[in-house]
Each structure stands twice: as C-alpha cells, then as structure tokens.
Amino acid sequence: MTLTVENQADRSRYALLKDGEVVGIAEYELRDDAIVFVHTEVDPEKRERGMASQLVQTALDDVRDRSDLRVVATCPYVRRWLADHPEYQALQHR
C-alpha cells in the first residue's frame, strides 16, 4: 500500500491517495493571508489507523514549506490535531 498526499488547488483540497485512489480529503478556503481548513474526511470503508493524521500533517507541512499563509482550523479534526502537536502552533500565528 502506498499513501500519498497532494494539493489539488483547483478543488481547494488536499487529497489522500491510497494506491492512486482518493480515500480522504482536507478541504480549505483561501482568505487574505490565511488558509482555512474547513472539513477533513477519510472514507470509512478504506480507513486505516493514522490516515487522517498523515493527511493533515502533510497538508500543514506543505503550507509551512510553500507559503506564508497562517492556518485557521474551523474543522474540528484539524483543530484537535493542532492542539495535540504544539510544534505546529506557529502556523496559526503568522
């Protein structure tokens, strides 16, 4: 099994692909100087432990490495993930 995450900017989402098939998404909206994560979902029939976390971490790494956007988490999963990973808190305060 191969898991990858790609930014599908034309669809305003990061997609989690398992062997090339989209099995999860982290949807976002761009607003001024922020990327607002609004919804995260992994297909319950294809879900495996840690998939949502990998999706969110890879998306946040991409935001940190490729932009100066601050992160706003309206999605409860992303908000909880950020609370559990203090090393990513700086992304919220740029």
Protein backbone atom coordinates (compact mmCIF):
# COMPACT_ATOMS: atom_id res chain seq x y z
CA MET A 1 0.00 0.00 0.00
CA THR A 2 1.26 3.43 -0.96
CA LEU A 3 -0.15 6.57 0.65
CA THR A 4 0.46 9.99 -0.84
CA VAL A 5 -0.97 13.45 -0.27
CA GLU A 6 -1.35 16.03 -2.99
CA ASN A 7 -2.63 19.58 -3.04
CA GLN A 8 -5.47 19.73 -5.55
CA ALA A 9 -5.60 23.52 -5.59
CA ASP A 10 -8.20 23.62 -8.38
CA ARG A 11 -10.56 21.79 -5.97
CA SER A 12 -9.38 23.64 -2.82
CA ARG A 13 -8.34 20.49 -1.04
CA TYR A 14 -5.53 18.20 -0.09
CA ALA A 15 -6.26 14.65 -1.16
CA LEU A 16 -5.01 11.48 0.48
CA LEU A 17 -4.43 8.79 -2.13
CA LYS A 18 -4.09 5.10 -1.39
CA ASP A 19 -2.51 3.34 -4.34
CA GLY A 20 -3.67 6.24 -6.54
CA GLU A 21 -7.31 6.31 -5.33
CA VAL A 22 -8.62 9.28 -3.33
CA VAL A 23 -9.60 7.96 0.10
CA GLY A 24 -9.51 11.20 2.09
CA ILE A 25 -9.68 14.96 1.75
CA ALA A 26 -8.87 18.06 3.74
CA GLU A 27 -10.86 20.91 2.22
CA TYR A 28 -9.73 24.50 2.60
CA GLU A 29 -10.58 28.07 1.68
CA LEU A 30 -8.03 30.79 0.97
CA ARG A 31 -8.83 34.08 2.74
CA ASP A 32 -6.47 37.04 2.65
CA ASP A 33 -3.34 35.83 4.47
CA ALA A 34 -4.86 32.56 5.71
CA ILE A 35 -5.69 29.05 4.66
CA VAL A 36 -8.82 27.93 6.47
CA PHE A 37 -9.23 24.18 6.87
CA VAL A 38 -12.99 23.62 6.86
CA HIS A 39 -13.52 19.86 6.54
CA THR A 40 -11.49 16.66 6.79
CA GLU A 41 -12.79 13.25 5.90
CA VAL A 42 -11.41 9.76 5.24
CA ASP A 43 -13.61 7.12 3.60
CA PRO A 44 -14.75 4.88 6.47
CA GLU A 45 -14.64 1.77 4.29
CA LYS A 46 -11.00 2.38 3.35
CA ARG A 47 -9.80 3.98 6.57
CA GLU A 48 -6.79 2.67 8.42
CA ARG A 49 -5.26 3.92 11.62
CA GLY A 50 -3.32 7.17 11.21
CA MET A 51 -4.54 8.11 7.72
CA ALA A 52 -6.30 11.33 8.74
CA SER A 53 -3.30 12.37 10.81
CA GLN A 54 -0.94 11.78 7.88
CA LEU A 55 -3.22 13.81 5.62
CA VAL A 56 -3.34 16.78 8.00
CA GLN A 57 0.37 16.71 8.84
CA THR A 58 1.40 16.57 5.19
CA ALA A 59 -1.01 19.40 4.32
CA LEU A 60 0.34 21.58 7.13
CA ASP A 61 3.93 20.80 6.17
CA ASP A 62 3.11 21.89 2.62
CA VAL A 63 1.57 25.15 3.85
CA ARG A 64 4.61 25.84 6.04
CA ASP A 65 7.14 24.99 3.30
CA ARG A 66 5.44 26.68 0.34
CA SER A 67 3.70 29.78 1.67
CA ASP A 68 3.49 32.49 4.28
CA LEU A 69 -0.16 31.74 4.99
CA ARG A 70 -1.34 31.35 8.55
CA VAL A 71 -3.53 28.38 9.34
CA VAL A 72 -7.06 28.72 10.64
CA ALA A 73 -8.76 25.49 11.69
CA THR A 74 -12.54 25.56 11.63
CA CYS A 75 -12.53 21.80 11.04
CA PRO A 76 -12.75 20.09 14.45
CA TYR A 77 -10.28 17.37 13.43
CA VAL A 78 -7.61 19.85 12.29
CA ARG A 79 -8.18 22.00 15.39
CA ARG A 80 -7.72 18.94 17.65
CA TRP A 81 -4.67 17.78 15.67
CA LEU A 82 -3.03 21.19 16.10
CA ALA A 83 -3.76 21.15 19.83
CA ASP A 84 -2.05 17.75 20.08
CA HIS A 85 1.02 18.87 18.10
CA PRO A 86 2.42 22.06 19.66
CA GLU A 87 5.30 22.09 17.19
CA TYR A 88 2.76 23.30 14.58
CA GLN A 89 1.26 26.12 16.69
CA ALA A 90 3.39 28.78 14.97
CA LEU A 91 1.44 28.19 11.76
CA GLN A 92 -1.62 29.74 13.41
CA HIS A 93 0.14 32.98 14.38
CA ARG A 94 1.97 34.20 11.31
